[in-house]
C-alpha atoms as a PDB file:
ATOM      1  CA  MET A   1     -18.359 -63.165  55.058  1.00  0.00           C
ATOM      2  CA  ASP A   2     -20.234 -63.745  58.313  1.00  0.00           C
ATOM      3  CA  ASN A   3     -19.111 -65.931  61.231  1.00  0.00           C
ATOM      4  CA  ALA A   4     -21.466 -68.759  60.278  1.00  0.00           C
ATOM      5  CA  ALA A   5     -19.956 -68.983  56.806  1.00  0.00           C
ATOM      6  CA  ARG A   6     -16.454 -68.879  58.263  1.00  0.00           C
ATOM      7  CA  SER A   7     -17.212 -71.775  60.588  1.00  0.00           C
ATOM      8  CA  GLU A   8     -18.150 -73.894  57.555  1.00  0.00           C
ATOM      9  CA  MET A   9     -14.838 -73.333  55.819  1.00  0.00           C
ATOM     10  CA  PRO A  10     -12.970 -76.637  55.336  1.00  0.00           C
ATOM     11  CA  GLU A  11      -9.440 -77.217  56.518  1.00  0.00           C
ATOM     12  CA  VAL A  12      -6.731 -76.236  54.072  1.00  0.00           C
ATOM     13  CA  GLN A  13      -5.758 -79.886  53.529  1.00  0.00           C
ATOM     14  CA  SER A  14      -9.039 -80.501  51.686  1.00  0.00           C
ATOM     15  CA  TRP A  15      -8.238 -77.658  49.323  1.00  0.00           C
ATOM     16  CA  ARG A  16      -4.970 -79.021  48.062  1.00  0.00           C
ATOM     17  CA  PRO A  17      -6.462 -81.420  45.469  1.00  0.00           C
ATOM     18  CA  LEU A  18      -8.826 -78.662  44.327  1.00  0.00           C
ATOM     19  CA  ILE A  19      -6.144 -76.123  43.503  1.00  0.00           C
ATOM     20  CA  ALA A  20      -3.505 -78.601  42.288  1.00  0.00           C
ATOM     21  CA  LYS A  21      -4.809 -78.723  38.710  1.00  0.00           C
ATOM     22  CA  TYR A  22      -4.451 -74.951  38.344  1.00  0.00           C
ATOM     23  CA  GLN A  23      -0.850 -74.820  39.537  1.00  0.00           C
ATOM     24  CA  ARG A  24       0.896 -75.883  36.342  1.00  0.00           C
ATOM     25  CA  PRO A  25       2.573 -72.886  34.674  1.00  0.00           C
ATOM     26  CA  ARG A  26       2.845 -72.805  30.898  1.00  0.00           C
ATOM     27  CA  THR A  27       6.115 -71.534  29.444  1.00  0.00           C
ATOM     28  CA  ALA A  28       4.548 -70.257  26.215  1.00  0.00           C
ATOM     29  CA  ARG A  29       1.947 -68.272  28.138  1.00  0.00           C
ATOM     30  CA  ALA A  30       4.598 -66.813  30.436  1.00  0.00           C
ATOM     31  CA  ILE A  31       6.754 -65.711  27.494  1.00  0.00           C
ATOM     32  CA  LEU A  32       3.711 -64.186  25.801  1.00  0.00           C
ATOM     33  CA  GLN A  33       2.936 -62.214  28.964  1.00  0.00           C
ATOM     34  CA  LEU A  34       6.501 -60.938  29.125  1.00  0.00           C
ATOM     35  CA  VAL A  35       6.468 -59.899  25.471  1.00  0.00           C
ATOM     36  CA  THR A  36       3.079 -58.167  25.715  1.00  0.00           C
ATOM     37  CA  THR A  37       4.178 -56.321  28.853  1.00  0.00           C
ATOM     38  CA  LEU A  38       7.817 -55.323  28.416  1.00  0.00           C
ATOM     39  CA  ILE A  39       7.708 -54.409  24.718  1.00  0.00           C
ATOM     40  CA  PRO A  40       4.721 -52.046  25.180  1.00  0.00           C
ATOM     41  CA  LEU A  41       6.449 -50.637  28.276  1.00  0.00           C
ATOM     42  CA  ALA A  42       9.577 -49.872  26.254  1.00  0.00           C
ATOM     43  CA  ALA A  43       7.479 -48.460  23.401  1.00  0.00           C
ATOM     44  CA  VAL A  44       5.639 -46.088  25.758  1.00  0.00           C
ATOM     45  CA  PHE A  45       8.911 -44.770  27.184  1.00  0.00           C
ATOM     46  CA  VAL A  46      10.340 -44.298  23.684  1.00  0.00           C
ATOM     47  CA  ALA A  47       7.222 -42.361  22.681  1.00  0.00           C
ATOM     48  CA  MET A  48       7.499 -40.253  25.846  1.00  0.00           C
ATOM     49  CA  ASP A  49      11.138 -39.504  24.987  1.00  0.00           C
ATOM     50  CA  ARG A  50      10.168 -38.325  21.509  1.00  0.00           C
ATOM     51  CA  LEU A  51       7.366 -36.149  22.864  1.00  0.00           C
ATOM     52  CA  LEU A  52       9.669 -34.697  25.512  1.00  0.00           C
ATOM     53  CA  ALA A  53      11.603 -33.010  22.684  1.00  0.00           C
ATOM     54  CA  ILE A  54       8.438 -31.021  21.974  1.00  0.00           C
ATOM     55  CA  SER A  55       7.295 -30.351  25.548  1.00  0.00           C
ATOM     56  CA  PHE A  56       7.208 -32.093  28.902  1.00  0.00           C
ATOM     57  CA  TRP A  57       3.446 -31.597  28.969  1.00  0.00           C
ATOM     58  CA  TRP A  58       3.053 -33.732  25.854  1.00  0.00           C
ATOM     59  CA  THR A  59       4.444 -36.711  27.762  1.00  0.00           C
ATOM     60  CA  LEU A  60       1.856 -36.533  30.552  1.00  0.00           C
ATOM     61  CA  PRO A  61      -0.914 -38.481  28.725  1.00  0.00           C
ATOM     62  CA  LEU A  62       1.492 -41.424  28.443  1.00  0.00           C
ATOM     63  CA  VAL A  63       2.446 -41.445  32.126  1.00  0.00           C
ATOM     64  CA  LEU A  64      -0.715 -43.373  33.005  1.00  0.00           C
ATOM     65  CA  PRO A  65      -0.209 -46.308  30.578  1.00  0.00           C
ATOM     66  CA  ALA A  66       3.478 -46.420  31.553  1.00  0.00           C
ATOM     67  CA  ALA A  67       2.483 -46.670  35.223  1.00  0.00           C
ATOM     68  CA  ALA A  68      -0.102 -49.350  34.430  1.00  0.00           C
ATOM     69  CA  LEU A  69       2.503 -51.413  32.561  1.00  0.00           C
ATOM     70  CA  LEU A  70       4.901 -51.068  35.504  1.00  0.00           C
ATOM     71  CA  VAL A  71       2.155 -52.447  37.759  1.00  0.00           C
ATOM     72  CA  ARG A  72       1.788 -55.413  35.407  1.00  0.00           C
ATOM     73  CA  THR A  73       5.580 -55.864  35.392  1.00  0.00           C
ATOM     74  CA  PHE A  74       5.460 -56.037  39.179  1.00  0.00           C
ATOM     75  CA  VAL A  75       2.712 -58.683  39.043  1.00  0.00           C
ATOM     76  CA  LEU A  76       4.881 -60.838  36.769  1.00  0.00           C
ATOM     77  CA  MET A  77       7.737 -60.487  39.276  1.00  0.00           C
ATOM     78  CA  HIS A  78       5.245 -61.436  41.978  1.00  0.00           C
ATOM     79  CA  ASP A  79       4.413 -64.660  40.127  1.00  0.00           C
ATOM     80  CA  CYS A  80       8.127 -65.424  39.788  1.00  0.00           C
ATOM     81  CA  ALA A  81       8.489 -65.015  43.553  1.00  0.00           C
ATOM     82  CA  HIS A  82       5.843 -67.683  44.092  1.00  0.00           C
ATOM     83  CA  GLY A  83       7.408 -69.996  41.517  1.00  0.00           C
ATOM     84  CA  SER A  84       4.181 -69.849  39.523  1.00  0.00           C
ATOM     85  CA  PHE A  85       5.352 -68.030  36.402  1.00  0.00           C
ATOM     86  CA  PHE A  86       7.736 -70.663  34.995  1.00  0.00           C
ATOM     87  CA  ALA A  87       8.095 -74.308  35.929  1.00  0.00           C
ATOM     88  CA  SER A  88      11.856 -73.699  36.092  1.00  0.00           C
ATOM     89  CA  ARG A  89      13.094 -72.234  39.357  1.00  0.00           C
ATOM     90  CA  ARG A  90      16.091 -70.720  37.589  1.00  0.00           C
ATOM     91  CA  ALA A  91      13.876 -69.023  35.007  1.00  0.00           C
ATOM     92  CA  ASN A  92      11.745 -67.557  37.804  1.00  0.00           C
ATOM     93  CA  GLN A  93      14.854 -66.198  39.533  1.00  0.00           C
ATOM     94  CA  ILE A  94      16.251 -64.596  36.364  1.00  0.00           C
ATOM     95  CA  VAL A  95      12.985 -63.006  35.253  1.00  0.00           C
ATOM     96  CA  GLY A  96      12.230 -62.036  38.844  1.00  0.00           C
ATOM     97  CA  ALA A  97      15.568 -60.231  39.131  1.00  0.00           C
ATOM     98  CA  VAL A  98      15.076 -58.403  35.813  1.00  0.00           C
ATOM     99  CA  THR A  99      11.505 -57.315  36.562  1.00  0.00           C
ATOM    100  CA  GLY A 100      12.677 -56.438  40.076  1.00  0.00           C
ATOM    101  CA  LEU A 101      15.238 -54.114  38.521  1.00  0.00           C
ATOM    102  CA  LEU A 102      12.554 -52.430  36.416  1.00  0.00           C
ATOM    103  CA  THR A 103      10.386 -51.940  39.505  1.00  0.00           C
ATOM    104  CA  LEU A 104      13.325 -51.124  41.857  1.00  0.00           C
ATOM    105  CA  ILE A 105      12.569 -54.113  44.104  1.00  0.00           C
ATOM    106  CA  PRO A 106      15.239 -56.568  45.351  1.00  0.00           C
ATOM    107  CA  PHE A 107      13.659 -59.808  44.187  1.00  0.00           C
ATOM    108  CA  GLU A 108      14.984 -62.360  46.700  1.00  0.00           C
ATOM    109  CA  HIS A 109      14.451 -60.092  49.691  1.00  0.00           C
ATOM    110  CA  TRP A 110      10.928 -59.234  48.594  1.00  0.00           C
ATOM    111  CA  ARG A 111      10.188 -62.906  47.858  1.00  0.00           C
ATOM    112  CA  HIS A 112      11.153 -63.845  51.415  1.00  0.00           C
ATOM    113  CA  GLU A 113       9.093 -61.059  52.994  1.00  0.00           C
ATOM    114  CA  HIS A 114       6.098 -61.815  50.803  1.00  0.00           C
ATOM    115  CA  GLY A 115       6.258 -65.477  51.744  1.00  0.00           C
ATOM    116  CA  LEU A 116       5.998 -64.485  55.403  1.00  0.00           C
ATOM    117  CA  HIS A 117       2.985 -62.349  54.539  1.00  0.00           C
ATOM    118  CA  HIS A 118       1.197 -65.324  52.993  1.00  0.00           C
ATOM    119  CA  ALA A 119       2.009 -67.493  56.000  1.00  0.00           C
ATOM    120  CA  SER A 120       0.645 -65.000  58.536  1.00  0.00           C
ATOM    121  CA  ALA A 121      -2.047 -62.859  56.869  1.00  0.00           C
ATOM    122  CA  GLY A 122      -4.932 -62.345  59.284  1.00  0.00           C
ATOM    123  CA  ASP A 123      -2.967 -63.566  62.324  1.00  0.00           C
ATOM    124  CA  LEU A 124      -3.164 -60.915  65.066  1.00  0.00           C
ATOM    125  CA  ASP A 125      -0.108 -62.346  66.815  1.00  0.00           C
ATOM    126  CA  ARG A 126       2.061 -62.306  63.684  1.00  0.00           C
ATOM    127  CA  ARG A 127       1.401 -58.885  62.231  1.00  0.00           C
ATOM    128  CA  GLY A 128       4.107 -56.921  60.463  1.00  0.00           C
ATOM    129  CA  HIS A 129       5.115 -59.130  57.543  1.00  0.00           C
ATOM    130  CA  GLY A 130       4.365 -57.250  54.361  1.00  0.00           C
ATOM    131  CA  ASP A 131       1.005 -55.979  55.574  1.00  0.00           C
ATOM    132  CA  VAL A 132      -0.402 -52.539  56.330  1.00  0.00           C
ATOM    133  CA  ASP A 133       0.137 -51.567  59.980  1.00  0.00           C
ATOM    134  CA  THR A 134      -3.133 -52.358  61.761  1.00  0.00           C
ATOM    135  CA  LEU A 135      -3.968 -51.830  65.427  1.00  0.00           C
ATOM    136  CA  THR A 136      -6.949 -53.127  67.341  1.00  0.00           C
ATOM    137  CA  VAL A 137      -9.261 -50.575  68.938  1.00  0.00           C
ATOM    138  CA  ARG A 138      -7.958 -51.420  72.426  1.00  0.00           C
ATOM    139  CA  GLU A 139      -4.330 -51.172  71.298  1.00  0.00           C
ATOM    140  CA  TYR A 140      -5.029 -47.788  69.770  1.00  0.00           C
ATOM    141  CA  LEU A 141      -6.752 -46.460  72.905  1.00  0.00           C
ATOM    142  CA  ALA A 142      -3.871 -47.716  75.063  1.00  0.00           C
ATOM    143  CA  ARG A 143      -1.355 -45.596  73.138  1.00  0.00           C
ATOM    144  CA  THR A 144      -0.137 -42.187  74.209  1.00  0.00           C
ATOM    145  CA  PRO A 145      -1.613 -39.122  72.431  1.00  0.00           C
ATOM    146  CA  TRP A 146       1.530 -38.952  70.285  1.00  0.00           C
ATOM    147  CA  GLY A 147       1.278 -42.672  69.508  1.00  0.00           C
ATOM    148  CA  ARG A 148      -2.348 -42.283  68.425  1.00  0.00           C
ATOM    149  CA  LEU A 149      -1.506 -39.246  66.286  1.00  0.00           C
ATOM    150  CA  ARG A 150       1.376 -41.069  64.603  1.00  0.00           C
ATOM    151  CA  TYR A 151      -0.861 -44.024  63.777  1.00  0.00           C
ATOM    152  CA  ARG A 152      -3.582 -41.726  62.439  1.00  0.00           C
ATOM    153  CA  LEU A 153      -1.033 -40.066  60.156  1.00  0.00           C
ATOM    154  CA  ILE A 154       0.231 -43.418  58.883  1.00  0.00           C
ATOM    155  CA  ARG A 155      -3.298 -44.609  58.145  1.00  0.00           C
ATOM    156  CA  HIS A 156      -4.572 -41.365  56.610  1.00  0.00           C
ATOM    157  CA  PRO A 157      -5.327 -41.972  52.906  1.00  0.00           C
ATOM    158  CA  ILE A 158      -3.356 -38.917  51.758  1.00  0.00           C
ATOM    159  CA  CYS A 159      -0.273 -39.864  53.760  1.00  0.00           C
ATOM    160  CA  PHE A 160      -0.593 -43.542  52.886  1.00  0.00           C
ATOM    161  CA  LEU A 161      -0.943 -43.005  49.147  1.00  0.00           C
ATOM    162  CA  LEU A 162       1.253 -39.937  48.596  1.00  0.00           C
ATOM    163  CA  VAL A 163       4.031 -40.391  51.160  1.00  0.00           C
ATOM    164  CA  GLY A 164       3.816 -44.189  51.202  1.00  0.00           C
ATOM    165  CA  PRO A 165       5.492 -44.625  47.778  1.00  0.00           C
ATOM    166  CA  ILE A 166       8.533 -42.633  48.935  1.00  0.00           C
ATOM    167  CA  TYR A 167       8.872 -44.765  52.064  1.00  0.00           C
ATOM    168  CA  PHE A 168       8.373 -47.918  49.986  1.00  0.00           C
ATOM    169  CA  VAL A 169      11.253 -47.087  47.624  1.00  0.00           C
ATOM    170  CA  LEU A 170      13.644 -45.956  50.369  1.00  0.00           C
ATOM    171  CA  ASP A 171      12.863 -48.981  52.530  1.00  0.00           C
ATOM    172  CA  LYS A 172      13.837 -51.322  49.682  1.00  0.00           C
ATOM    173  CA  ARG A 173      17.280 -49.714  49.465  1.00  0.00           C
ATOM    174  CA  PHE A 174      18.425 -50.991  52.879  1.00  0.00           C
ATOM    175  CA  PRO A 175      19.152 -54.642  53.720  1.00  0.00           C
ATOM    176  CA  PRO A 176      17.057 -56.332  56.405  1.00  0.00           C
ATOM    177  CA  ARG A 177      18.250 -56.767  59.972  1.00  0.00           C
ATOM    178  CA  GLY A 178      17.629 -59.282  62.715  1.00  0.00           C
ATOM    179  CA  GLU A 179      16.024 -62.637  62.052  1.00  0.00           C
ATOM    180  CA  ASN A 180      15.142 -61.719  58.454  1.00  0.00           C
ATOM    181  CA  ALA A 181      18.719 -60.765  57.571  1.00  0.00           C
ATOM    182  CA  GLY A 182      19.635 -63.915  55.690  1.00  0.00           C
ATOM    183  CA  ARG A 183      22.593 -63.725  53.339  1.00  0.00           C
ATOM    184  CA  ARG A 184      20.406 -64.161  50.261  1.00  0.00           C
ATOM    185  CA  GLN A 185      18.138 -61.316  51.352  1.00  0.00           C
ATOM    186  CA  VAL A 186      21.025 -58.961  52.123  1.00  0.00           C
ATOM    187  CA  ALA A 187      22.817 -59.829  48.871  1.00  0.00           C
ATOM    188  CA  SER A 188      19.585 -59.287  46.950  1.00  0.00           C
ATOM    189  CA  VAL A 189      19.252 -55.730  48.247  1.00  0.00           C
ATOM    190  CA  TRP A 190      22.845 -54.780  47.417  1.00  0.00           C
ATOM    191  CA  ALA A 191      22.672 -56.450  43.997  1.00  0.00           C
ATOM    192  CA  ASN A 192      19.472 -54.559  43.193  1.00  0.00           C
ATOM    193  CA  ASN A 193      21.007 -51.262  44.330  1.00  0.00           C
ATOM    194  CA  ILE A 194      24.146 -51.805  42.251  1.00  0.00           C
ATOM    195  CA  ALA A 195      22.111 -52.829  39.200  1.00  0.00           C
ATOM    196  CA  ILE A 196      19.970 -49.681  39.544  1.00  0.00           C
ATOM    197  CA  LEU A 197      23.104 -47.520  39.674  1.00  0.00           C
ATOM    198  CA  LEU A 198      24.689 -49.247  36.666  1.00  0.00           C
ATOM    199  CA  VAL A 199      21.599 -49.325  34.480  1.00  0.00           C
ATOM    200  CA  GLY A 200      20.529 -45.858  35.603  1.00  0.00           C
ATOM    201  CA  GLY A 201      23.995 -44.496  34.942  1.00  0.00           C
ATOM    202  CA  ALA A 202      24.050 -46.062  31.489  1.00  0.00           C
ATOM    203  CA  ALA A 203      20.626 -44.613  30.698  1.00  0.00           C
ATOM    204  CA  VAL A 204      21.710 -41.128  31.786  1.00  0.00           C
ATOM    205  CA  THR A 205      24.890 -41.440  29.710  1.00  0.00           C
ATOM    206  CA  LEU A 206      22.932 -42.438  26.614  1.00  0.00           C
ATOM    207  CA  PHE A 207      19.847 -40.251  26.950  1.00  0.00           C
ATOM    208  CA  GLY A 208      20.732 -37.614  29.525  1.00  0.00           C
ATOM    209  CA  PRO A 209      19.007 -36.761  32.816  1.00  0.00           C
ATOM    210  CA  ARG A 210      15.653 -36.551  31.028  1.00  0.00           C
ATOM    211  CA  VAL A 211      15.225 -40.285  31.748  1.00  0.00           C
ATOM    212  CA  PHE A 212      14.241 -39.286  35.278  1.00  0.00           C
ATOM    213  CA  LEU A 213      11.481 -37.040  33.903  1.00  0.00           C
ATOM    214  CA  LEU A 214      10.127 -40.051  32.054  1.00  0.00           C
ATOM    215  CA  TYR A 215      10.502 -42.832  34.586  1.00  0.00           C
ATOM    216  CA  LEU A 216       9.906 -41.274  38.012  1.00  0.00           C
ATOM    217  CA  PRO A 217       6.363 -39.898  37.454  1.00  0.00           C
ATOM    218  CA  ALA A 218       5.230 -43.215  35.984  1.00  0.00           C
ATOM    219  CA  TYR A 219       6.912 -45.179  38.763  1.00  0.00           C
ATOM    220  CA  TYR A 220       5.374 -42.968  41.456  1.00  0.00           C
ATOM    221  CA  LEU A 221       1.877 -43.517  40.054  1.00  0.00           C
ATOM    222  CA  ALA A 222       2.554 -47.253  39.770  1.00  0.00           C
ATOM    223  CA  ILE A 223       3.479 -47.463  43.462  1.00  0.00           C
ATOM    224  CA  ILE A 224       0.349 -45.526  44.427  1.00  0.00           C
ATOM    225  CA  ALA A 225      -1.733 -48.011  42.434  1.00  0.00           C
ATOM    226  CA  GLY A 226       0.146 -50.933  43.979  1.00  0.00           C
ATOM    227  CA  LEU A 227      -0.385 -49.669  47.515  1.00  0.00           C
ATOM    228  CA  TRP A 228      -4.067 -49.142  46.813  1.00  0.00           C
ATOM    229  CA  LEU A 229      -4.379 -52.650  45.388  1.00  0.00           C
ATOM    230  CA  PHE A 230      -2.639 -54.202  48.365  1.00  0.00           C
ATOM    231  CA  PHE A 231      -4.720 -52.215  50.837  1.00  0.00           C
ATOM    232  CA  VAL A 232      -8.089 -53.112  49.330  1.00  0.00           C
ATOM    233  CA  GLN A 233      -7.156 -56.785  49.057  1.00  0.00           C
ATOM    234  CA  HIS A 234      -6.955 -57.161  52.841  1.00  0.00           C
ATOM    235  CA  GLN A 235      -8.361 -54.019  54.458  1.00  0.00           C
ATOM    236  CA  PHE A 236     -12.131 -54.168  54.149  1.00  0.00           C
ATOM    237  CA  GLU A 237     -14.873 -54.101  56.750  1.00  0.00           C
ATOM    238  CA  GLY A 238     -15.577 -57.834  56.991  1.00  0.00           C
ATOM    239  CA  THR A 239     -11.978 -59.029  56.702  1.00  0.00           C
ATOM    240  CA  TYR A 240     -10.446 -61.735  58.874  1.00  0.00           C
ATOM    241  CA  TRP A 241      -8.214 -61.303  61.921  1.00  0.00           C
ATOM    242  CA  GLU A 242      -7.800 -63.903  64.654  1.00  0.00           C
ATOM    243  CA  GLU A 243      -5.401 -64.641  67.466  1.00  0.00           C
ATOM    244  CA  HIS A 244      -2.879 -67.283  66.510  1.00  0.00           C
ATOM    245  CA  GLN A 245      -4.548 -70.177  68.370  1.00  0.00           C
ATOM    246  CA  GLN A 246      -7.793 -69.641  66.455  1.00  0.00           C
ATOM    247  CA  TRP A 247      -6.183 -68.594  63.180  1.00  0.00           C
ATOM    248  CA  ASP A 248      -6.780 -70.826  60.155  1.00  0.00           C
ATOM    249  CA  TYR A 249      -4.921 -70.546  56.854  1.00  0.00           C
ATOM    250  CA  ALA A 250      -7.833 -71.461  54.563  1.00  0.00           C
ATOM    251  CA  THR A 251     -10.291 -69.177  56.316  1.00  0.00           C
ATOM    252  CA  ALA A 252      -7.777 -66.341  56.296  1.00  0.00           C
ATOM    253  CA  ALA A 253      -7.293 -66.814  52.541  1.00  0.00           C
ATOM    254  CA  ILE A 254     -10.997 -66.725  51.667  1.00  0.00           C
ATOM    255  CA  ALA A 255     -12.406 -64.432  54.352  1.00  0.00           C
ATOM    256  CA  GLY A 256      -9.351 -62.209  54.771  1.00  0.00           C
ATOM    257  CA  SER A 257      -8.684 -61.531  51.081  1.00  0.00           C
ATOM    258  CA  SER A 258     -11.125 -59.701  48.850  1.00  0.00           C
ATOM    259  CA  TYR A 259     -12.256 -60.263  45.304  1.00  0.00           C
ATOM    260  CA  PHE A 260     -11.413 -56.812  43.918  1.00  0.00           C
ATOM    261  CA  LYS A 261     -13.721 -56.773  40.912  1.00  0.00           C
ATOM    262  CA  LEU A 262     -12.129 -54.634  38.236  1.00  0.00           C
ATOM    263  CA  PRO A 263     -13.052 -53.762  34.632  1.00  0.00           C
ATOM    264  CA  ALA A 264     -11.428 -56.051  32.063  1.00  0.00           C
ATOM    265  CA  VAL A 265      -8.734 -53.536  31.084  1.00  0.00           C
ATOM    266  CA  LEU A 266      -7.662 -52.965  34.697  1.00  0.00           C
ATOM    267  CA  GLU A 267      -7.807 -56.691  35.375  1.00  0.00           C
ATOM    268  CA  TRP A 268      -5.280 -57.202  32.559  1.00  0.00           C
ATOM    269  CA  PHE A 269      -2.927 -54.475  33.805  1.00  0.00           C
ATOM    270  CA  THR A 270      -3.082 -55.894  37.347  1.00  0.00           C
ATOM    271  CA  GLY A 271      -2.539 -59.476  36.232  1.00  0.00           C
ATOM    272  CA  SER A 272      -5.873 -60.644  37.732  1.00  0.00           C
ATOM    273  CA  ILE A 273      -4.469 -60.069  41.225  1.00  0.00           C
ATOM    274  CA  GLY A 274      -7.948 -58.858  42.182  1.00  0.00           C
ATOM    275  CA  PHE A 275      -8.771 -62.557  42.611  1.00  0.00           C
ATOM    276  CA  HIS A 276      -6.735 -62.274  45.763  1.00  0.00           C
ATOM    277  CA  HIS A 277      -8.741 -64.825  47.727  1.00  0.00           C
ATOM    278  CA  VAL A 278      -7.804 -67.455  45.141  1.00  0.00           C
ATOM    279  CA  HIS A 279      -4.189 -66.342  45.123  1.00  0.00           C
ATOM    280  CA  HIS A 280      -3.839 -66.549  48.894  1.00  0.00           C
ATOM    281  CA  LEU A 281      -5.198 -70.072  49.026  1.00  0.00           C
ATOM    282  CA  GLY A 282      -3.141 -71.198  46.040  1.00  0.00           C
ATOM    283  CA  PRO A 283      -0.137 -68.858  45.651  1.00  0.00           C
ATOM    284  CA  ARG A 284       1.438 -71.168  43.064  1.00  0.00           C
ATOM    285  CA  ILE A 285      -1.488 -70.646  40.681  1.00  0.00           C
ATOM    286  CA  PRO A 286      -0.303 -68.500  37.725  1.00  0.00           C
ATOM    287  CA  ASN A 287      -2.054 -65.156  37.366  1.00  0.00           C
ATOM    288  CA  TYR A 288      -3.741 -66.223  34.127  1.00  0.00           C
ATOM    289  CA  LYS A 289      -5.520 -69.130  35.872  1.00  0.00           C
ATOM    290  CA  LEU A 290      -6.909 -67.223  38.859  1.00  0.00           C
ATOM    291  CA  ARG A 291     -10.149 -66.235  37.130  1.00  0.00           C
ATOM    292  CA  GLN A 292     -10.767 -69.800  35.949  1.00  0.00           C
ATOM    293  CA  CYS A 293     -10.150 -71.209  39.415  1.00  0.00           C
ATOM    294  CA  HIS A 294     -12.573 -68.700  40.925  1.00  0.00           C
ATOM    295  CA  ALA A 295     -15.276 -69.399  38.331  1.00  0.00           C
ATOM    296  CA  GLU A 296     -15.107 -73.191  38.576  1.00  0.00           C
ATOM    297  CA  ASN A 297     -15.173 -73.513  42.368  1.00  0.00           C
ATOM    298  CA  PRO A 298     -18.223 -72.091  44.196  1.00  0.00           C
ATOM    299  CA  ILE A 299     -16.438 -71.876  47.544  1.00  0.00           C
ATOM    300  CA  PHE A 300     -14.472 -68.918  46.215  1.00  0.00           C
ATOM    301  CA  HIS A 301     -17.744 -67.105  45.602  1.00  0.00           C
ATOM    302  CA  GLN A 302     -18.032 -66.639  49.380  1.00  0.00           C
ATOM    303  CA  ALA A 303     -15.250 -64.058  49.295  1.00  0.00           C
ATOM    304  CA  THR A 304     -16.110 -60.400  49.838  1.00  0.00           C
ATOM    305  CA  VAL A 305     -16.499 -58.527  46.539  1.00  0.00           C
ATOM    306  CA  ILE A 306     -15.019 -55.022  46.457  1.00  0.00           C
ATOM    307  CA  THR A 307     -15.761 -52.652  43.583  1.00  0.00           C
ATOM    308  CA  LEU A 308     -13.769 -49.589  42.555  1.00  0.00           C
ATOM    309  CA  ARG A 309     -16.293 -47.322  44.281  1.00  0.00           C
ATOM    310  CA  GLN A 310     -16.188 -49.381  47.476  1.00  0.00           C
ATOM    311  CA  SER A 311     -12.397 -49.378  47.434  1.00  0.00           C
ATOM    312  CA  VAL A 312     -12.373 -45.609  47.959  1.00  0.00           C
ATOM    313  CA  SER A 313     -14.456 -45.795  51.146  1.00  0.00           C
ATOM    314  CA  ALA A 314     -12.350 -48.718  52.400  1.00  0.00           C
ATOM    315  CA  LEU A 315      -9.377 -46.364  52.692  1.00  0.00           C
ATOM    316  CA  ARG A 316     -11.048 -44.796  55.736  1.00  0.00           C
ATOM    317  CA  LEU A 317     -11.029 -48.056  57.707  1.00  0.00           C
ATOM    318  CA  ALA A 318      -8.228 -48.072  60.262  1.00  0.00           C
ATOM    319  CA  LEU A 319      -8.790 -50.252  63.358  1.00  0.00           C
ATOM    320  CA  TRP A 320      -9.747 -53.834  64.098  1.00  0.00           C
ATOM    321  CA  ASP A 321     -12.724 -53.906  66.453  1.00  0.00           C
ATOM    322  CA  GLU A 322     -12.155 -57.027  68.576  1.00  0.00           C
ATOM    323  CA  ASP A 323     -15.739 -57.048  69.887  1.00  0.00           C
ATOM    324  CA  ALA A 324     -17.505 -56.560  66.548  1.00  0.00           C
ATOM    325  CA  GLY A 325     -14.987 -58.616  64.535  1.00  0.00           C
ATOM    326  CA  ARG A 326     -14.620 -56.053  61.780  1.00  0.00           C
ATOM    327  CA  LEU A 327     -12.493 -53.145  60.614  1.00  0.00           C
ATOM    328  CA  VAL A 328     -13.833 -49.753  61.677  1.00  0.00           C
ATOM    329  CA  ARG A 329     -13.028 -46.065  61.296  1.00  0.00           C
ATOM    330  CA  PHE A 330     -11.364 -43.998  63.995  1.00  0.00           C
ATOM    331  CA  ASP A 331     -14.709 -42.649  65.217  1.00  0.00           C
ATOM    332  CA  ARG A 332     -15.504 -46.138  66.544  1.00  0.00           C
ATOM    333  CA  ALA A 333     -12.533 -45.864  68.897  1.00  0.00           C
ATOM    334  CA  LEU A 334     -13.788 -42.473  70.087  1.00  0.00           C
ATOM    335  CA  GLU A 335     -17.214 -43.989  70.781  1.00  0.00           C
ATOM    336  CA  MET A 336     -15.637 -46.745  72.870  1.00  0.00           C
ATOM    337  CA  ARG A 337     -13.588 -44.232  74.835  1.00  0.00           C
ATOM    338  CA  HIS A 338     -16.668 -42.100  75.515  1.00  0.00           C
ATOM    339  CA  ASP A 339     -18.673 -45.175  76.561  1.00  0.00           C
ATOM    340  CA  ALA A 340     -15.897 -46.242  78.923  1.00  0.00           C
ATOM    341  CA  ALA A 341     -15.717 -42.754  80.425  1.00  0.00           C
ATOM    342  CA  ALA A 342     -19.473 -42.645  80.885  1.00  0.00           C
ATOM    343  CA  SER A 343     -19.583 -46.058  82.583  1.00  0.00           C
ATOM    344  CA  THR A 344     -16.913 -44.999  85.091  1.00  0.00           C
ATOM    345  CA  GLY A 345     -18.384 -41.563  85.635  1.00  0.00           C
ATOM    346  CA  VAL A 346     -15.241 -39.793  84.464  1.00  0.00           C
END
C-alpha cells in the first residue's frame, strides 16, 4: 500500500459500525470447529501410536497433519483470547485454557501479551509486544559489531525458524516480570506448567515415553508454521511502521497486516488467519467470518497480498528503512554505510 492510499484511510471510529455485524460468535459453529479439530487431532495421534508399534518411520507421514491440526488448535485458542469464539467469557476461558494446554501456551498470559501486540502493532515507539524484533537501519548501524551480528543471527531464517520454536516453548515456561507481571499472568504460567506435568505424566504412565516421539515432532513443526505465519503477516516490504505521534490504529491494521492468500486446505488449517488485516481491525470477529468481512468490504482489498512463494522471500527482510518507508534486507544497511563513508571521505 503506497503513502497516498494510506493517507486516505479513515479513522478507526468510522470502522466500528462496519465490523460490528461480523462480531457475533455462534455457539454451534464454535462447537463444530472444536469437534472437527480436536477429534481428528486425537485420531491422528492414535494412528501414529499404532504405527509406532511397527516402526517409527511409519509415523512420519502423519506428523504433518498432526502439526497442521495443532496449528488450528492454536487458532481456536487465539479466538478465545479475543473473546470471539464464544459469546460467553467463561466458555472462552475454559476452552482457551484447554487448547492452551494442548499447545503448551499459558492462556491468560498469552492473551495479555497478544492484546498489547494488537494495541501497538506498527508503532516504532512501542515495539516488543508479541512482535518479531525489528530494528531500523539507523539503529542497526549504530550498534556495535557484536550487536549487529547478534541481530543478524536472530533474523536469519534458519535461526528464526529452527531455533525460534525452542526459544518460544522455553519462554512460555517462565512467568513475566516487571509491568507485565500481573497476578493473573503469573498464575496462568504456573497453572499451565503444572497441567503439562500432570497430563504429561499421566500420558507417560498410560502409554510410556513413546508419547514424546509422537507429540514433539508434530509440535515442533507446528511452531515453525506458526512463526512463519506470524512473520509473514507483519513483515513484508510495504508494511507499516510509524513513530507514535503519527501512528494510527486503522492504518496499521490495513497497511501493516498482510492478506496471506493460502490454498483452501491451508486456509482451513490456519483458521483463516491469513485475513490478518481484517483480524487486526476487528479482533473480535470470529475466524469463520474473516473471509466474508474481507469480501464484502472493498477497503480491505487495499491490503498487501502475500502468496506462499512471496512469503519465502519475505523471510530475508530484516530492517525498517526510515527514509524509504519499507522493510529492506541487510544489504541496504551496508549501502547506507558505504554512502555515508563516501560522503565523509572516510
